[in-house]
Amino acid sequence: MRYKINQLADISQGSILTRIKSQDNNGISSEALTMQELSYYCNQSDDLAAANEVVVDKDRYENCLFSQAGDVLVGLSSGNTMVIEKERAGKLVLSNFAVIRIKDKKKLDPYYLCWMINENNDVKRQLLPLYQKTSRVVVIPISTFKDIEIECCSIEKQVKIGKTYDLSRKLVRTKRLKVDTVNKIINCGLIEVIR
């Protein structure tokens, strides 16, 4: 069965940094999620993100968007997504991200949704017109994600697909790091041969 994402989830854009940042550094310190973290999750980088601390104005803190476990975080310039796990919950979400917060996880699995947006050709076709209009960096409007249609199978199948995708994503990194380590060991050995 096909659904628009907004039928199954609420979608919100993160907070605009210039509007929430404390001018006198006398606010509430919060760690913000970063694009580097999203790139790491999607295997586009092997560099772990450094903590990005933001001092939020006390009067604006209550209006900020914070991540929750099970959220699907969307990079609005890349269209890539990641699932927020327990250890990344409670982090500040800035305006270069949107959060897809699933209404009922018995109908839609976050890892399945992440796989659909990151890998599914049908979803990519729905996003493609945005990238064909211009050669500059595109910020995908929230309304576009609200209107994306996804195919939903049974929740049991979704969970299997989502878990398999998450494990395969981790396996890709492990294999790449293993190859890099083996190459470093070989090259160290070759340097010793020269001496």
C-alpha atoms as a PDB file:
ATOM      1  CA  MET A   1       0.000   0.000   0.000  1.00  0.00           C
ATOM      2  CA  ARG A   2       1.283   3.494  -0.859  1.00  0.00           C
ATOM      3  CA  TYR A   3       1.232   6.415   1.557  1.00  0.00           C
ATOM      4  CA  LYS A   4       2.498   9.959   1.531  1.00  0.00           C
ATOM      5  CA  ILE A   5       5.037  10.388   4.320  1.00  0.00           C
ATOM      6  CA  ASN A   6       2.892  13.066   5.983  1.00  0.00           C
ATOM      7  CA  GLN A   7       0.107  10.499   6.434  1.00  0.00           C
ATOM      8  CA  LEU A   8       2.389   8.427   8.658  1.00  0.00           C
ATOM      9  CA  ALA A   9       4.674  11.023  10.227  1.00  0.00           C
ATOM     10  CA  ASP A  10       5.028  14.627  11.318  1.00  0.00           C
ATOM     11  CA  ILE A  11       7.793  16.557   9.574  1.00  0.00           C
ATOM     12  CA  SER A  12       9.464  19.580  11.165  1.00  0.00           C
ATOM     13  CA  GLN A  13      12.399  21.742  10.180  1.00  0.00           C
ATOM     14  CA  GLY A  14      15.106  22.445  12.740  1.00  0.00           C
ATOM     15  CA  SER A  15      15.755  25.719  14.513  1.00  0.00           C
ATOM     16  CA  ILE A  16      17.430  28.652  12.755  1.00  0.00           C
ATOM     17  CA  LEU A  17      20.736  29.165  14.553  1.00  0.00           C
ATOM     18  CA  THR A  18      20.778  32.973  14.314  1.00  0.00           C
ATOM     19  CA  ARG A  19      17.349  33.144  15.961  1.00  0.00           C
ATOM     20  CA  ILE A  20      18.073  30.865  18.909  1.00  0.00           C
ATOM     21  CA  LYS A  21      21.749  31.530  19.660  1.00  0.00           C
ATOM     22  CA  SER A  22      22.482  33.463  22.835  1.00  0.00           C
ATOM     23  CA  GLN A  23      24.112  36.816  22.144  1.00  0.00           C
ATOM     24  CA  ASP A  24      25.822  37.009  25.546  1.00  0.00           C
ATOM     25  CA  ASN A  25      26.747  33.303  25.928  1.00  0.00           C
ATOM     26  CA  ASN A  26      24.577  33.224  29.039  1.00  0.00           C
ATOM     27  CA  GLY A  27      22.090  30.687  27.704  1.00  0.00           C
ATOM     28  CA  ILE A  28      21.696  26.913  27.811  1.00  0.00           C
ATOM     29  CA  SER A  29      24.461  24.868  26.191  1.00  0.00           C
ATOM     30  CA  SER A  30      23.176  22.156  23.817  1.00  0.00           C
ATOM     31  CA  GLU A  31      24.911  19.761  21.458  1.00  0.00           C
ATOM     32  CA  ALA A  32      23.645  20.100  17.889  1.00  0.00           C
ATOM     33  CA  LEU A  33      23.519  17.348  15.273  1.00  0.00           C
ATOM     34  CA  THR A  34      25.871  17.971  12.329  1.00  0.00           C
ATOM     35  CA  MET A  35      26.087  17.271   8.608  1.00  0.00           C
ATOM     36  CA  GLN A  36      29.368  15.463   9.319  1.00  0.00           C
ATOM     37  CA  GLU A  37      27.450  13.047  11.536  1.00  0.00           C
ATOM     38  CA  LEU A  38      24.952  12.395   8.718  1.00  0.00           C
ATOM     39  CA  SER A  39      27.812  11.856   6.234  1.00  0.00           C
ATOM     40  CA  TYR A  40      29.402   9.343   8.608  1.00  0.00           C
ATOM     41  CA  TYR A  41      26.099   7.481   9.038  1.00  0.00           C
ATOM     42  CA  CYS A  42      25.604   7.295   5.244  1.00  0.00           C
ATOM     43  CA  ASN A  43      29.182   6.020   4.696  1.00  0.00           C
ATOM     44  CA  GLN A  44      30.216   9.153   2.809  1.00  0.00           C
ATOM     45  CA  SER A  45      32.936   9.849   5.386  1.00  0.00           C
ATOM     46  CA  ASP A  46      34.881   7.828   7.937  1.00  0.00           C
ATOM     47  CA  ASP A  47      35.513  10.861  10.131  1.00  0.00           C
ATOM     48  CA  LEU A  48      33.503  10.922  13.328  1.00  0.00           C
ATOM     49  CA  ALA A  49      31.796  14.236  13.955  1.00  0.00           C
ATOM     50  CA  ALA A  50      33.224  16.560  16.586  1.00  0.00           C
ATOM     51  CA  ALA A  51      30.715  17.808  19.153  1.00  0.00           C
ATOM     52  CA  ASN A  52      29.006  21.023  18.044  1.00  0.00           C
ATOM     53  CA  GLU A  53      28.001  22.974  21.149  1.00  0.00           C
ATOM     54  CA  VAL A  54      25.511  25.818  20.743  1.00  0.00           C
ATOM     55  CA  VAL A  55      24.542  28.211  23.521  1.00  0.00           C
ATOM     56  CA  VAL A  56      20.791  28.712  23.144  1.00  0.00           C
ATOM     57  CA  ASP A  57      19.029  31.808  24.440  1.00  0.00           C
ATOM     58  CA  LYS A  58      17.035  30.848  27.552  1.00  0.00           C
ATOM     59  CA  ASP A  59      13.878  32.513  26.199  1.00  0.00           C
ATOM     60  CA  ARG A  60      14.024  30.502  22.968  1.00  0.00           C
ATOM     61  CA  TYR A  61      15.079  27.122  24.363  1.00  0.00           C
ATOM     62  CA  GLU A  62      11.521  25.795  24.781  1.00  0.00           C
ATOM     63  CA  ASN A  63      10.786  26.444  21.078  1.00  0.00           C
ATOM     64  CA  CYS A  64      13.817  24.516  19.790  1.00  0.00           C
ATOM     65  CA  LEU A  65      13.528  21.144  18.069  1.00  0.00           C
ATOM     66  CA  PHE A  66      15.384  18.298  19.792  1.00  0.00           C
ATOM     67  CA  SER A  67      15.905  14.785  18.434  1.00  0.00           C
ATOM     68  CA  GLN A  68      14.119  11.743  19.816  1.00  0.00           C
ATOM     69  CA  ALA A  69      15.110   8.081  19.491  1.00  0.00           C
ATOM     70  CA  GLY A  70      13.444   6.702  16.375  1.00  0.00           C
ATOM     71  CA  ASP A  71      13.357  10.030  14.511  1.00  0.00           C
ATOM     72  CA  VAL A  72      14.505   9.994  10.910  1.00  0.00           C
ATOM     73  CA  LEU A  73      16.810  12.970  10.363  1.00  0.00           C
ATOM     74  CA  VAL A  74      16.940  14.403   6.836  1.00  0.00           C
ATOM     75  CA  GLY A  75      19.774  16.563   5.494  1.00  0.00           C
ATOM     76  CA  LEU A  76      17.910  19.180   3.478  1.00  0.00           C
ATOM     77  CA  SER A  77      20.838  19.828   1.138  1.00  0.00           C
ATOM     78  CA  SER A  78      21.667  16.166   0.452  1.00  0.00           C
ATOM     79  CA  GLY A  79      18.336  14.397   0.897  1.00  0.00           C
ATOM     80  CA  ASN A  80      20.185  11.732   2.912  1.00  0.00           C
ATOM     81  CA  THR A  81      18.704  10.361   6.101  1.00  0.00           C
ATOM     82  CA  MET A  82      19.773   8.702   9.326  1.00  0.00           C
ATOM     83  CA  VAL A  83      17.881   7.161  12.218  1.00  0.00           C
ATOM     84  CA  ILE A  84      18.401   8.805  15.596  1.00  0.00           C
ATOM     85  CA  GLU A  85      19.405   6.154  18.095  1.00  0.00           C
ATOM     86  CA  LYS A  86      19.178   6.426  21.900  1.00  0.00           C
ATOM     87  CA  GLU A  87      22.623   7.952  22.372  1.00  0.00           C
ATOM     88  CA  ARG A  88      21.849  10.786  19.917  1.00  0.00           C
ATOM     89  CA  ALA A  89      18.413  11.614  21.358  1.00  0.00           C
ATOM     90  CA  GLY A  90      17.960  15.010  22.986  1.00  0.00           C
ATOM     91  CA  LYS A  91      20.332  16.775  20.554  1.00  0.00           C
ATOM     92  CA  LEU A  92      19.503  20.150  19.027  1.00  0.00           C
ATOM     93  CA  VAL A  93      18.274  20.002  15.421  1.00  0.00           C
ATOM     94  CA  LEU A  94      19.242  23.002  13.298  1.00  0.00           C
ATOM     95  CA  SER A  95      17.531  24.344  10.173  1.00  0.00           C
ATOM     96  CA  ASN A  96      19.735  22.424   7.709  1.00  0.00           C
ATOM     97  CA  PHE A  97      17.828  19.335   8.862  1.00  0.00           C
ATOM     98  CA  ALA A  98      14.260  18.142   9.022  1.00  0.00           C
ATOM     99  CA  VAL A  99      12.962  15.565  11.445  1.00  0.00           C
ATOM    100  CA  ILE A 100      10.484  12.925  10.347  1.00  0.00           C
ATOM    101  CA  ARG A 101       8.752  11.759  13.523  1.00  0.00           C
ATOM    102  CA  ILE A 102       6.724   8.614  12.874  1.00  0.00           C
ATOM    103  CA  LYS A 103       3.248   8.695  14.431  1.00  0.00           C
ATOM    104  CA  ASP A 104       2.818   4.931  14.849  1.00  0.00           C
ATOM    105  CA  LYS A 105       5.853   2.624  14.675  1.00  0.00           C
ATOM    106  CA  LYS A 106       3.488  -0.337  14.245  1.00  0.00           C
ATOM    107  CA  LYS A 107       2.721   1.048  10.776  1.00  0.00           C
ATOM    108  CA  LEU A 108       6.122   2.428   9.724  1.00  0.00           C
ATOM    109  CA  ASP A 109       9.602   1.369  10.853  1.00  0.00           C
ATOM    110  CA  PRO A 110      12.186   4.209  10.991  1.00  0.00           C
ATOM    111  CA  TYR A 111      15.006   2.080   9.535  1.00  0.00           C
ATOM    112  CA  TYR A 112      12.748   1.031   6.666  1.00  0.00           C
ATOM    113  CA  LEU A 113      11.879   4.686   5.994  1.00  0.00           C
ATOM    114  CA  CYS A 114      15.585   5.560   6.113  1.00  0.00           C
ATOM    115  CA  TRP A 115      16.296   2.828   3.549  1.00  0.00           C
ATOM    116  CA  MET A 116      13.431   3.995   1.336  1.00  0.00           C
ATOM    117  CA  ILE A 117      14.679   7.595   1.226  1.00  0.00           C
ATOM    118  CA  ASN A 118      18.388   6.758   0.908  1.00  0.00           C
ATOM    119  CA  GLU A 119      18.221   3.832  -1.515  1.00  0.00           C
ATOM    120  CA  ASN A 120      14.819   3.368  -3.173  1.00  0.00           C
ATOM    121  CA  ASN A 121      14.767   4.333  -6.863  1.00  0.00           C
ATOM    122  CA  ASP A 122      11.107   5.362  -6.769  1.00  0.00           C
ATOM    123  CA  VAL A 123      11.782   7.866  -3.965  1.00  0.00           C
ATOM    124  CA  LYS A 124      14.905   9.106  -5.777  1.00  0.00           C
ATOM    125  CA  ARG A 125      12.765   9.732  -8.883  1.00  0.00           C
ATOM    126  CA  GLN A 126      10.401  11.830  -6.779  1.00  0.00           C
ATOM    127  CA  LEU A 127      13.330  13.957  -5.553  1.00  0.00           C
ATOM    128  CA  LEU A 128      15.170  14.146  -8.907  1.00  0.00           C
ATOM    129  CA  PRO A 129      13.268  17.146 -10.364  1.00  0.00           C
ATOM    130  CA  LEU A 130      14.652  19.326  -7.564  1.00  0.00           C
ATOM    131  CA  TYR A 131      18.229  18.534  -8.551  1.00  0.00           C
ATOM    132  CA  GLN A 132      17.693  18.962 -12.295  1.00  0.00           C
ATOM    133  CA  LYS A 133      16.518  22.576 -12.003  1.00  0.00           C
ATOM    134  CA  THR A 134      19.828  24.014 -10.870  1.00  0.00           C
ATOM    135  CA  SER A 135      23.513  23.234 -10.575  1.00  0.00           C
ATOM    136  CA  ARG A 136      23.889  24.951  -7.195  1.00  0.00           C
ATOM    137  CA  VAL A 137      23.288  23.360  -3.805  1.00  0.00           C
ATOM    138  CA  VAL A 138      19.585  22.776  -3.409  1.00  0.00           C
ATOM    139  CA  VAL A 139      17.760  22.947  -0.126  1.00  0.00           C
ATOM    140  CA  ILE A 140      14.869  20.518  -0.348  1.00  0.00           C
ATOM    141  CA  PRO A 141      11.637  22.086   0.905  1.00  0.00           C
ATOM    142  CA  ILE A 142       9.878  20.322   3.782  1.00  0.00           C
ATOM    143  CA  SER A 143       6.736  20.174   1.628  1.00  0.00           C
ATOM    144  CA  THR A 144       8.589  17.914  -0.812  1.00  0.00           C
ATOM    145  CA  PHE A 145       9.208  15.297   1.878  1.00  0.00           C
ATOM    146  CA  LYS A 146       5.605  15.558   3.037  1.00  0.00           C
ATOM    147  CA  ASP A 147       4.424  14.624  -0.456  1.00  0.00           C
ATOM    148  CA  ILE A 148       6.857  11.763  -1.139  1.00  0.00           C
ATOM    149  CA  GLU A 149       4.983   8.518  -1.617  1.00  0.00           C
ATOM    150  CA  ILE A 150       6.424   5.331  -0.197  1.00  0.00           C
ATOM    151  CA  GLU A 151       5.401   1.712  -0.549  1.00  0.00           C
ATOM    152  CA  CYS A 152       4.553   0.155   2.819  1.00  0.00           C
ATOM    153  CA  CYS A 153       4.589  -3.595   3.226  1.00  0.00           C
ATOM    154  CA  SER A 154       3.727  -5.343   6.512  1.00  0.00           C
ATOM    155  CA  ILE A 155       5.549  -4.032   9.581  1.00  0.00           C
ATOM    156  CA  GLU A 156       7.292  -7.415   9.963  1.00  0.00           C
ATOM    157  CA  LYS A 157       8.789  -7.081   6.468  1.00  0.00           C
ATOM    158  CA  GLN A 158       9.658  -3.431   7.111  1.00  0.00           C
ATOM    159  CA  VAL A 159      11.564  -4.349  10.280  1.00  0.00           C
ATOM    160  CA  LYS A 160      13.499  -7.098   8.421  1.00  0.00           C
ATOM    161  CA  ILE A 161      14.367  -4.718   5.571  1.00  0.00           C
ATOM    162  CA  GLY A 162      15.300  -1.946   8.004  1.00  0.00           C
ATOM    163  CA  LYS A 163      17.534  -4.187  10.149  1.00  0.00           C
ATOM    164  CA  THR A 164      19.217  -5.666   7.067  1.00  0.00           C
ATOM    165  CA  TYR A 165      19.863  -2.172   5.667  1.00  0.00           C
ATOM    166  CA  ASP A 166      21.292  -0.942   8.968  1.00  0.00           C
ATOM    167  CA  LEU A 167      23.576  -3.983   9.297  1.00  0.00           C
ATOM    168  CA  SER A 168      24.739  -3.730   5.668  1.00  0.00           C
ATOM    169  CA  ARG A 169      25.524  -0.026   6.181  1.00  0.00           C
ATOM    170  CA  LYS A 170      27.706  -0.933   9.172  1.00  0.00           C
ATOM    171  CA  LEU A 171      29.306  -3.846   7.277  1.00  0.00           C
ATOM    172  CA  VAL A 172      30.359  -1.535   4.416  1.00  0.00           C
ATOM    173  CA  ARG A 173      32.261   0.678   6.872  1.00  0.00           C
ATOM    174  CA  THR A 174      33.843  -2.291   8.670  1.00  0.00           C
ATOM    175  CA  LYS A 175      35.065  -3.796   5.384  1.00  0.00           C
ATOM    176  CA  ARG A 176      36.440  -0.459   4.181  1.00  0.00           C
ATOM    177  CA  LEU A 177      38.285   0.166   7.455  1.00  0.00           C
ATOM    178  CA  LYS A 178      39.655  -3.395   7.391  1.00  0.00           C
ATOM    179  CA  VAL A 179      41.018  -2.879   3.849  1.00  0.00           C
ATOM    180  CA  ASP A 180      42.579   0.454   4.882  1.00  0.00           C
ATOM    181  CA  THR A 181      44.236  -1.187   7.904  1.00  0.00           C
ATOM    182  CA  VAL A 182      45.593  -4.078   5.802  1.00  0.00           C
ATOM    183  CA  ASN A 183      47.001  -1.596   3.248  1.00  0.00           C
ATOM    184  CA  LYS A 184      48.739   0.386   6.002  1.00  0.00           C
ATOM    185  CA  ILE A 185      50.277  -2.815   7.425  1.00  0.00           C
ATOM    186  CA  ILE A 186      51.472  -3.913   3.967  1.00  0.00           C
ATOM    187  CA  ASN A 187      52.973  -0.504   3.230  1.00  0.00           C
ATOM    188  CA  CYS A 188      54.773  -0.459   6.588  1.00  0.00           C
ATOM    189  CA  GLY A 189      56.188  -3.888   5.721  1.00  0.00           C
ATOM    190  CA  LEU A 190      57.311  -2.667   2.278  1.00  0.00           C
ATOM    191  CA  ILE A 191      59.080   0.310   3.853  1.00  0.00           C
ATOM    192  CA  GLU A 192      60.980  -2.123   6.111  1.00  0.00           C
ATOM    193  CA  VAL A 193      62.076  -4.124   3.031  1.00  0.00           C
ATOM    194  CA  ILE A 194      63.662  -1.001   1.534  1.00  0.00           C
ATOM    195  CA  ARG A 195      65.719  -0.383   4.678  1.00  0.00           C
END
